[in-house]
Structure formats: C-alpha cells, structure tokens
Amino acid sequence: MGPQLYFDNYTAASDVTVLAICIVIGILIMTSFVTRTRPFFLFVNMLVSLVLAVLSDMILHDSYAHTTNGKSRSRSPNPERKVI
C-alpha cells in the first residue's frame, strides 16, 4: 500500500482557528494607523495567502469526504471478500 494520508483523522478545528486568527489580525491591521509601506503590503499578502491555503485545505477535505462518502480509500470496498 502507498503512504497513508491524514484524511482519516482530519478535523476542521485547526483550520477554523487559523482562519479566525487571520480575520482578527486583518481587521486589526486595517483599522490601525499604520503607514502603507511595502513591508505592510507584503504582510497583507502573506495573510491573504494563509487564508487561501486554509480555505483550499477545507475545500479539499470536504470534497474528499463527499466523493468517498466519508470512507477511507485504504479500506476494502467489500469486507466479506478476502484478498489473497
């Protein structure tokens, strides 16, 4: 068998936590009196990239769960059938 991915024990708690922290940081940064310099825009771009990564991870796991009906691909599709 190939390497096991972490789909079986996935919970969205960490993704939701990172997303919430990014939103709070984004709101605080945009409402503060910070000069809009190049490092500021680099930080905002990093924050946006992190949000996109979290959202794509959540979409990946959601689509994986829907295509496999919540079952792992490593399990045998027919449990009565023994593979020799």
PDB file of N, CA and C in Angstrom:
ATOM      1  N   MET A   1       0.832  -1.180   0.000  1.00  0.00           N
ATOM      2  CA  MET A   1       0.000   0.000   0.000  1.00  0.00           C
ATOM      3  C   MET A   1       0.875   1.241   0.000  1.00  0.00           C
ATOM      4  N   GLY A   2       0.329   2.300  -0.523  1.00  0.00           N
ATOM      5  CA  GLY A   2       1.041   3.565  -0.554  1.00  0.00           C
ATOM      6  C   GLY A   2       1.009   4.259   0.800  1.00  0.00           C
ATOM      7  N   PRO A   3       1.604   5.416   0.870  1.00  0.00           N
ATOM      8  CA  PRO A   3       1.612   6.136   2.147  1.00  0.00           C
ATOM      9  C   PRO A   3       0.210   6.603   2.525  1.00  0.00           C
ATOM     10  N   GLN A   4      -0.098   6.493   3.798  1.00  0.00           N
ATOM     11  CA  GLN A   4      -1.402   6.926   4.292  1.00  0.00           C
ATOM     12  C   GLN A   4      -1.427   8.437   4.437  1.00  0.00           C
ATOM     13  N   LEU A   5      -2.432   9.074   3.911  1.00  0.00           N
ATOM     14  CA  LEU A   5      -2.628  10.492   4.134  1.00  0.00           C
ATOM     15  C   LEU A   5      -3.396  10.678   5.423  1.00  0.00           C
ATOM     16  N   TYR A   6      -3.527  11.882   5.884  1.00  0.00           N
ATOM     17  CA  TYR A   6      -4.146  12.149   7.176  1.00  0.00           C
ATOM     18  C   TYR A   6      -5.639  12.418   7.059  1.00  0.00           C
ATOM     19  N   PHE A   7      -6.287  11.929   6.031  1.00  0.00           N
ATOM     20  CA  PHE A   7      -7.713  12.199   5.843  1.00  0.00           C
ATOM     21  C   PHE A   7      -8.575  11.523   6.901  1.00  0.00           C
ATOM     22  N   ASP A   8      -8.152  10.376   7.409  1.00  0.00           N
ATOM     23  CA  ASP A   8      -8.997   9.626   8.334  1.00  0.00           C
ATOM     24  C   ASP A   8      -9.217  10.361   9.655  1.00  0.00           C
ATOM     25  N   ASN A   9      -8.212  11.072  10.154  1.00  0.00           N
ATOM     26  CA  ASN A   9      -8.311  11.728  11.448  1.00  0.00           C
ATOM     27  C   ASN A   9      -8.409  13.241  11.319  1.00  0.00           C
ATOM     28  N   TYR A  10      -8.897  13.730  10.224  1.00  0.00           N
ATOM     29  CA  TYR A  10      -8.964  15.167   9.992  1.00  0.00           C
ATOM     30  C   TYR A  10     -10.119  15.795  10.756  1.00  0.00           C
ATOM     31  N   THR A  11      -9.841  16.908  11.425  1.00  0.00           N
ATOM     32  CA  THR A  11     -10.890  17.743  11.997  1.00  0.00           C
ATOM     33  C   THR A  11     -10.628  19.167  11.530  1.00  0.00           C
ATOM     34  N   ALA A  12     -11.682  19.893  11.320  1.00  0.00           N
ATOM     35  CA  ALA A  12     -11.551  21.250  10.798  1.00  0.00           C
ATOM     36  C   ALA A  12     -11.267  22.276  11.884  1.00  0.00           C
ATOM     37  N   ALA A  13     -11.065  21.845  13.118  1.00  0.00           N
ATOM     38  CA  ALA A  13     -10.873  22.784  14.224  1.00  0.00           C
ATOM     39  C   ALA A  13      -9.639  23.667  14.026  1.00  0.00           C
ATOM     40  N   SER A  14      -8.550  23.078  13.604  1.00  0.00           N
ATOM     41  CA  SER A  14      -7.335  23.884  13.415  1.00  0.00           C
ATOM     42  C   SER A  14      -7.483  24.845  12.234  1.00  0.00           C
ATOM     43  N   ASP A  15      -8.139  24.400  11.177  1.00  0.00           N
ATOM     44  CA  ASP A  15      -8.350  25.284  10.037  1.00  0.00           C
ATOM     45  C   ASP A  15      -9.246  26.463  10.406  1.00  0.00           C
ATOM     46  N   VAL A  16     -10.291  26.193  11.162  1.00  0.00           N
ATOM     47  CA  VAL A  16     -11.193  27.267  11.576  1.00  0.00           C
ATOM     48  C   VAL A  16     -10.482  28.226  12.527  1.00  0.00           C
ATOM     49  N   THR A  17      -9.637  27.698  13.401  1.00  0.00           N
ATOM     50  CA  THR A  17      -8.888  28.545  14.324  1.00  0.00           C
ATOM     51  C   THR A  17      -7.926  29.466  13.582  1.00  0.00           C
ATOM     52  N   VAL A  18      -7.192  28.916  12.629  1.00  0.00           N
ATOM     53  CA  VAL A  18      -6.256  29.739  11.844  1.00  0.00           C
ATOM     54  C   VAL A  18      -7.017  30.779  11.031  1.00  0.00           C
ATOM     55  N   LEU A  19      -8.140  30.406  10.472  1.00  0.00           N
ATOM     56  CA  LEU A  19      -8.949  31.345   9.703  1.00  0.00           C
ATOM     57  C   LEU A  19      -9.461  32.482  10.590  1.00  0.00           C
ATOM     58  N   ALA A  20      -9.918  32.161  11.786  1.00  0.00           N
ATOM     59  CA  ALA A  20     -10.409  33.190  12.702  1.00  0.00           C
ATOM     60  C   ALA A  20      -9.290  34.131  13.134  1.00  0.00           C
ATOM     61  N   ILE A  21      -8.116  33.586  13.404  1.00  0.00           N
ATOM     62  CA  ILE A  21      -6.983  34.428  13.795  1.00  0.00           C
ATOM     63  C   ILE A  21      -6.578  35.344  12.650  1.00  0.00           C
ATOM     64  N   CYS A  22      -6.580  34.828  11.424  1.00  0.00           N
ATOM     65  CA  CYS A  22      -6.235  35.660  10.267  1.00  0.00           C
ATOM     66  C   CYS A  22      -7.242  36.785  10.076  1.00  0.00           C
ATOM     67  N   ILE A  23      -8.512  36.495  10.277  1.00  0.00           N
ATOM     68  CA  ILE A  23      -9.533  37.536  10.130  1.00  0.00           C
ATOM     69  C   ILE A  23      -9.352  38.610  11.196  1.00  0.00           C
ATOM     70  N   VAL A  24      -9.089  38.200  12.434  1.00  0.00           N
ATOM     71  CA  VAL A  24      -8.879  39.174  13.512  1.00  0.00           C
ATOM     72  C   VAL A  24      -7.645  40.020  13.238  1.00  0.00           C
ATOM     73  N   ILE A  25      -6.553  39.399  12.821  1.00  0.00           N
ATOM     74  CA  ILE A  25      -5.331  40.156  12.502  1.00  0.00           C
ATOM     75  C   ILE A  25      -5.597  41.112  11.346  1.00  0.00           C
ATOM     76  N   GLY A  26      -6.326  40.649  10.328  1.00  0.00           N
ATOM     77  CA  GLY A  26      -6.646  41.510   9.192  1.00  0.00           C
ATOM     78  C   GLY A  26      -7.472  42.717   9.598  1.00  0.00           C
ATOM     79  N   ILE A  27      -8.461  42.503  10.453  1.00  0.00           N
ATOM     80  CA  ILE A  27      -9.285  43.631  10.922  1.00  0.00           C
ATOM     81  C   ILE A  27      -8.447  44.603  11.742  1.00  0.00           C
ATOM     82  N   LEU A  28      -7.616  44.077  12.632  1.00  0.00           N
ATOM     83  CA  LEU A  28      -6.771  44.955  13.456  1.00  0.00           C
ATOM     84  C   LEU A  28      -5.760  45.737  12.619  1.00  0.00           C
ATOM     85  N   ILE A  29      -5.194  45.092  11.622  1.00  0.00           N
ATOM     86  CA  ILE A  29      -4.204  45.768  10.764  1.00  0.00           C
ATOM     87  C   ILE A  29      -4.870  46.865   9.941  1.00  0.00           C
ATOM     88  N   MET A  30      -6.049  46.575   9.393  1.00  0.00           N
ATOM     89  CA  MET A  30      -6.704  47.555   8.531  1.00  0.00           C
ATOM     90  C   MET A  30      -7.280  48.747   9.310  1.00  0.00           C
ATOM     91  N   THR A  31      -7.607  48.547  10.582  1.00  0.00           N
ATOM     92  CA  THR A  31      -8.163  49.656  11.362  1.00  0.00           C
ATOM     93  C   THR A  31      -7.107  50.428  12.140  1.00  0.00           C
ATOM     94  N   SER A  32      -5.874  49.947  12.155  1.00  0.00           N
ATOM     95  CA  SER A  32      -4.824  50.660  12.885  1.00  0.00           C
ATOM     96  C   SER A  32      -4.222  51.756  11.994  1.00  0.00           C
ATOM     97  N   PHE A  33      -3.512  52.643  12.631  1.00  0.00           N
ATOM     98  CA  PHE A  33      -2.896  53.749  11.906  1.00  0.00           C
ATOM     99  C   PHE A  33      -1.469  53.360  11.523  1.00  0.00           C
ATOM    100  N   VAL A  34      -1.362  52.523  10.525  1.00  0.00           N
ATOM    101  CA  VAL A  34      -0.071  52.043  10.043  1.00  0.00           C
ATOM    102  C   VAL A  34       0.179  52.666   8.680  1.00  0.00           C
ATOM    103  N   THR A  35       1.412  53.100   8.470  1.00  0.00           N
ATOM    104  CA  THR A  35       1.738  53.630   7.147  1.00  0.00           C
ATOM    105  C   THR A  35       1.758  52.481   6.147  1.00  0.00           C
ATOM    106  N   ARG A  36       1.182  52.714   5.011  1.00  0.00           N
ATOM    107  CA  ARG A  36       1.045  51.677   3.989  1.00  0.00           C
ATOM    108  C   ARG A  36       2.322  51.604   3.152  1.00  0.00           C
ATOM    109  N   THR A  37       3.314  50.946   3.701  1.00  0.00           N
ATOM    110  CA  THR A  37       4.596  50.800   3.014  1.00  0.00           C
ATOM    111  C   THR A  37       4.678  49.429   2.362  1.00  0.00           C
ATOM    112  N   ARG A  38       5.794  49.190   1.691  1.00  0.00           N
ATOM    113  CA  ARG A  38       5.977  47.911   1.011  1.00  0.00           C
ATOM    114  C   ARG A  38       5.969  46.733   1.995  1.00  0.00           C
ATOM    115  N   PRO A  39       6.650  46.814   3.153  1.00  0.00           N
ATOM    116  CA  PRO A  39       6.550  45.688   4.102  1.00  0.00           C
ATOM    117  C   PRO A  39       5.129  45.440   4.606  1.00  0.00           C
ATOM    118  N   PHE A  40       4.336  46.484   4.730  1.00  0.00           N
ATOM    119  CA  PHE A  40       2.945  46.315   5.136  1.00  0.00           C
ATOM    120  C   PHE A  40       2.179  45.513   4.098  1.00  0.00           C
ATOM    121  N   PHE A  41       2.348  45.839   2.813  1.00  0.00           N
ATOM    122  CA  PHE A  41       1.642  45.110   1.765  1.00  0.00           C
ATOM    123  C   PHE A  41       2.159  43.675   1.638  1.00  0.00           C
ATOM    124  N   LEU A  42       3.441  43.446   1.924  1.00  0.00           N
ATOM    125  CA  LEU A  42       3.956  42.077   1.935  1.00  0.00           C
ATOM    126  C   LEU A  42       3.296  41.268   3.056  1.00  0.00           C
ATOM    127  N   PHE A  43       3.121  41.890   4.220  1.00  0.00           N
ATOM    128  CA  PHE A  43       2.458  41.215   5.328  1.00  0.00           C
ATOM    129  C   PHE A  43       0.997  40.906   4.996  1.00  0.00           C
ATOM    130  N   VAL A  44       0.322  41.858   4.371  1.00  0.00           N
ATOM    131  CA  VAL A  44      -1.074  41.628   3.976  1.00  0.00           C
ATOM    132  C   VAL A  44      -1.145  40.502   2.950  1.00  0.00           C
ATOM    133  N   ASN A  45      -0.207  40.465   2.016  1.00  0.00           N
ATOM    134  CA  ASN A  45      -0.185  39.387   1.020  1.00  0.00           C
ATOM    135  C   ASN A  45       0.071  38.033   1.676  1.00  0.00           C
ATOM    136  N   MET A  46       0.936  37.989   2.684  1.00  0.00           N
ATOM    137  CA  MET A  46       1.169  36.737   3.404  1.00  0.00           C
ATOM    138  C   MET A  46      -0.091  36.294   4.145  1.00  0.00           C
ATOM    139  N   LEU A  47      -0.799  37.246   4.718  1.00  0.00           N
ATOM    140  CA  LEU A  47      -2.037  36.943   5.432  1.00  0.00           C
ATOM    141  C   LEU A  47      -3.093  36.402   4.467  1.00  0.00           C
ATOM    142  N   VAL A  48      -3.212  37.016   3.313  1.00  0.00           N
ATOM    143  CA  VAL A  48      -4.164  36.549   2.296  1.00  0.00           C
ATOM    144  C   VAL A  48      -3.776  35.159   1.798  1.00  0.00           C
ATOM    145  N   SER A  49      -2.483  34.913   1.601  1.00  0.00           N
ATOM    146  CA  SER A  49      -2.025  33.593   1.169  1.00  0.00           C
ATOM    147  C   SER A  49      -2.349  32.525   2.208  1.00  0.00           C
ATOM    148  N   LEU A  50      -2.195  32.859   3.474  1.00  0.00           N
ATOM    149  CA  LEU A  50      -2.524  31.918   4.540  1.00  0.00           C
ATOM    150  C   LEU A  50      -4.019  31.614   4.569  1.00  0.00           C
ATOM    151  N   VAL A  51      -4.844  32.626   4.372  1.00  0.00           N
ATOM    152  CA  VAL A  51      -6.299  32.415   4.326  1.00  0.00           C
ATOM    153  C   VAL A  51      -6.666  31.538   3.131  1.00  0.00           C
ATOM    154  N   LEU A  52      -6.058  31.780   1.981  1.00  0.00           N
ATOM    155  CA  LEU A  52      -6.340  30.953   0.802  1.00  0.00           C
ATOM    156  C   LEU A  52      -5.900  29.506   1.016  1.00  0.00           C
ATOM    157  N   ALA A  53      -4.762  29.307   1.693  1.00  0.00           N
ATOM    158  CA  ALA A  53      -4.293  27.947   1.971  1.00  0.00           C
ATOM    159  C   ALA A  53      -5.253  27.221   2.907  1.00  0.00           C
ATOM    160  N   VAL A  54      -5.736  27.911   3.924  1.00  0.00           N
ATOM    161  CA  VAL A  54      -6.686  27.294   4.860  1.00  0.00           C
ATOM    162  C   VAL A  54      -7.991  26.950   4.148  1.00  0.00           C
ATOM    163  N   LEU A  55      -8.496  27.873   3.344  1.00  0.00           N
ATOM    164  CA  LEU A  55      -9.750  27.611   2.630  1.00  0.00           C
ATOM    165  C   LEU A  55      -9.600  26.465   1.632  1.00  0.00           C
ATOM    166  N   SER A  56      -8.468  26.401   0.938  1.00  0.00           N
ATOM    167  CA  SER A  56      -8.278  25.314  -0.016  1.00  0.00           C
ATOM    168  C   SER A  56      -8.140  23.975   0.702  1.00  0.00           C
ATOM    169  N   ASP A  57      -7.532  23.952   1.890  1.00  0.00           N
ATOM    170  CA  ASP A  57      -7.432  22.719   2.664  1.00  0.00           C
ATOM    171  C   ASP A  57      -8.814  22.260   3.115  1.00  0.00           C
ATOM    172  N   MET A  58      -9.642  23.196   3.550  1.00  0.00           N
ATOM    173  CA  MET A  58     -11.001  22.840   3.968  1.00  0.00           C
ATOM    174  C   MET A  58     -11.825  22.327   2.789  1.00  0.00           C
ATOM    175  N   ILE A  59     -11.685  22.965   1.632  1.00  0.00           N
ATOM    176  CA  ILE A  59     -12.412  22.521   0.432  1.00  0.00           C
ATOM    177  C   ILE A  59     -11.931  21.147  -0.012  1.00  0.00           C
ATOM    178  N   LEU A  60     -10.614  20.908   0.059  1.00  0.00           N
ATOM    179  CA  LEU A  60     -10.062  19.607  -0.321  1.00  0.00           C
ATOM    180  C   LEU A  60     -10.636  18.499   0.552  1.00  0.00           C
ATOM    181  N   HIS A  61     -10.631  18.697   1.857  1.00  0.00           N
ATOM    182  CA  HIS A  61     -11.131  17.657   2.747  1.00  0.00           C
ATOM    183  C   HIS A  61     -12.637  17.477   2.613  1.00  0.00           C
ATOM    184  N   ASP A  62     -13.359  18.550   2.378  1.00  0.00           N
ATOM    185  CA  ASP A  62     -14.800  18.441   2.188  1.00  0.00           C
ATOM    186  C   ASP A  62     -15.122  17.679   0.904  1.00  0.00           C
ATOM    187  N   SER A  63     -14.425  18.005  -0.180  1.00  0.00           N
ATOM    188  CA  SER A  63     -14.684  17.298  -1.438  1.00  0.00           C
ATOM    189  C   SER A  63     -14.238  15.841  -1.356  1.00  0.00           C
ATOM    190  N   TYR A  64     -13.152  15.573  -0.627  1.00  0.00           N
ATOM    191  CA  TYR A  64     -12.703  14.188  -0.446  1.00  0.00           C
ATOM    192  C   TYR A  64     -13.736  13.386   0.336  1.00  0.00           C
ATOM    193  N   ALA A  65     -14.297  13.996   1.380  1.00  0.00           N
ATOM    194  CA  ALA A  65     -15.304  13.295   2.181  1.00  0.00           C
ATOM    195  C   ALA A  65     -16.568  13.044   1.367  1.00  0.00           C
ATOM    196  N   HIS A  66     -16.934  13.976   0.480  1.00  0.00           N
ATOM    197  CA  HIS A  66     -18.140  13.779  -0.331  1.00  0.00           C
ATOM    198  C   HIS A  66     -17.933  12.751  -1.432  1.00  0.00           C
ATOM    199  N   THR A  67     -16.748  12.689  -2.013  1.00  0.00           N
ATOM    200  CA  THR A  67     -16.524  11.727  -3.096  1.00  0.00           C
ATOM    201  C   THR A  67     -16.357  10.312  -2.576  1.00  0.00           C
ATOM    202  N   THR A  68     -15.886  10.168  -1.335  1.00  0.00           N
ATOM    203  CA  THR A  68     -15.706   8.828  -0.788  1.00  0.00           C
ATOM    204  C   THR A  68     -16.804   8.465   0.203  1.00  0.00           C
ATOM    205  N   ASN A  69     -17.806   9.313   0.353  1.00  0.00           N
ATOM    206  CA  ASN A  69     -18.903   9.106   1.299  1.00  0.00           C
ATOM    207  C   ASN A  69     -18.391   8.945   2.724  1.00  0.00           C
ATOM    208  N   GLY A  70     -17.306   9.644   3.048  1.00  0.00           N
ATOM    209  CA  GLY A  70     -16.751   9.611   4.397  1.00  0.00           C
ATOM    210  C   GLY A  70     -15.943   8.375   4.704  1.00  0.00           C
ATOM    211  N   LYS A  71     -15.704   7.521   3.715  1.00  0.00           N
ATOM    212  CA  LYS A  71     -14.947   6.294   3.946  1.00  0.00           C
ATOM    213  C   LYS A  71     -13.520   6.465   3.459  1.00  0.00           C
ATOM    214  N   SER A  72     -12.618   5.770   4.096  1.00  0.00           N
ATOM    215  CA  SER A  72     -11.215   5.829   3.696  1.00  0.00           C
ATOM    216  C   SER A  72     -10.995   4.941   2.480  1.00  0.00           C
ATOM    217  N   ARG A  73     -10.112   5.353   1.604  1.00  0.00           N
ATOM    218  CA  ARG A  73      -9.813   4.555   0.416  1.00  0.00           C
ATOM    219  C   ARG A  73      -8.951   3.345   0.756  1.00  0.00           C
ATOM    220  N   SER A  74      -8.303   3.336   1.918  1.00  0.00           N
ATOM    221  CA  SER A  74      -7.430   2.225   2.270  1.00  0.00           C
ATOM    222  C   SER A  74      -8.229   0.994   2.705  1.00  0.00           C
ATOM    223  N   ARG A  75      -9.494   1.166   3.052  1.00  0.00           N
ATOM    224  CA  ARG A  75     -10.323   0.042   3.461  1.00  0.00           C
ATOM    225  C   ARG A  75     -10.824  -0.705   2.229  1.00  0.00           C
ATOM    226  N   SER A  76     -11.080  -1.974   2.423  1.00  0.00           N
ATOM    227  CA  SER A  76     -11.576  -2.787   1.329  1.00  0.00           C
ATOM    228  C   SER A  76     -13.027  -2.408   1.043  1.00  0.00           C
ATOM    229  N   PRO A  77     -13.427  -2.245  -0.226  1.00  0.00           N
ATOM    230  CA  PRO A  77     -14.805  -1.879  -0.533  1.00  0.00           C
ATOM    231  C   PRO A  77     -15.801  -2.967  -0.159  1.00  0.00           C
ATOM    232  N   ASN A  78     -15.369  -4.227  -0.168  1.00  0.00           N
ATOM    233  CA  ASN A  78     -16.231  -5.339   0.185  1.00  0.00           C
ATOM    234  C   ASN A  78     -15.578  -6.091   1.345  1.00  0.00           C
ATOM    235  N   PRO A  79     -16.045  -5.926   2.587  1.00  0.00           N
ATOM    236  CA  PRO A  79     -15.359  -6.538   3.724  1.00  0.00           C
ATOM    237  C   PRO A  79     -15.434  -8.063   3.743  1.00  0.00           C
ATOM    238  N   GLU A  80     -16.445  -8.666   3.090  1.00  0.00           N
ATOM    239  CA  GLU A  80     -16.534 -10.125   3.090  1.00  0.00           C
ATOM    240  C   GLU A  80     -15.528 -10.775   2.150  1.00  0.00           C
ATOM    241  N   ARG A  81     -15.101 -10.031   1.152  1.00  0.00           N
ATOM    242  CA  ARG A  81     -14.186 -10.569   0.145  1.00  0.00           C
ATOM    243  C   ARG A  81     -12.771 -10.510   0.676  1.00  0.00           C
ATOM    244  N   LYS A  82     -12.099 -11.643   0.661  1.00  0.00           N
ATOM    245  CA  LYS A  82     -10.724 -11.703   1.155  1.00  0.00           C
ATOM    246  C   LYS A  82      -9.772 -11.623  -0.031  1.00  0.00           C
ATOM    247  N   VAL A  83      -8.795 -10.766   0.118  1.00  0.00           N
ATOM    248  CA  VAL A  83      -7.798 -10.589  -0.936  1.00  0.00           C
ATOM    249  C   VAL A  83      -6.611 -11.470  -0.611  1.00  0.00           C
ATOM    250  N   ILE A  84      -6.190 -12.269  -1.587  1.00  0.00           N
ATOM    251  CA  ILE A  84      -5.055 -13.189  -1.359  1.00  0.00           C
ATOM    252  C   ILE A  84      -3.784 -12.544  -1.829  1.00  0.00           C
TER     253      ILE A  84
END
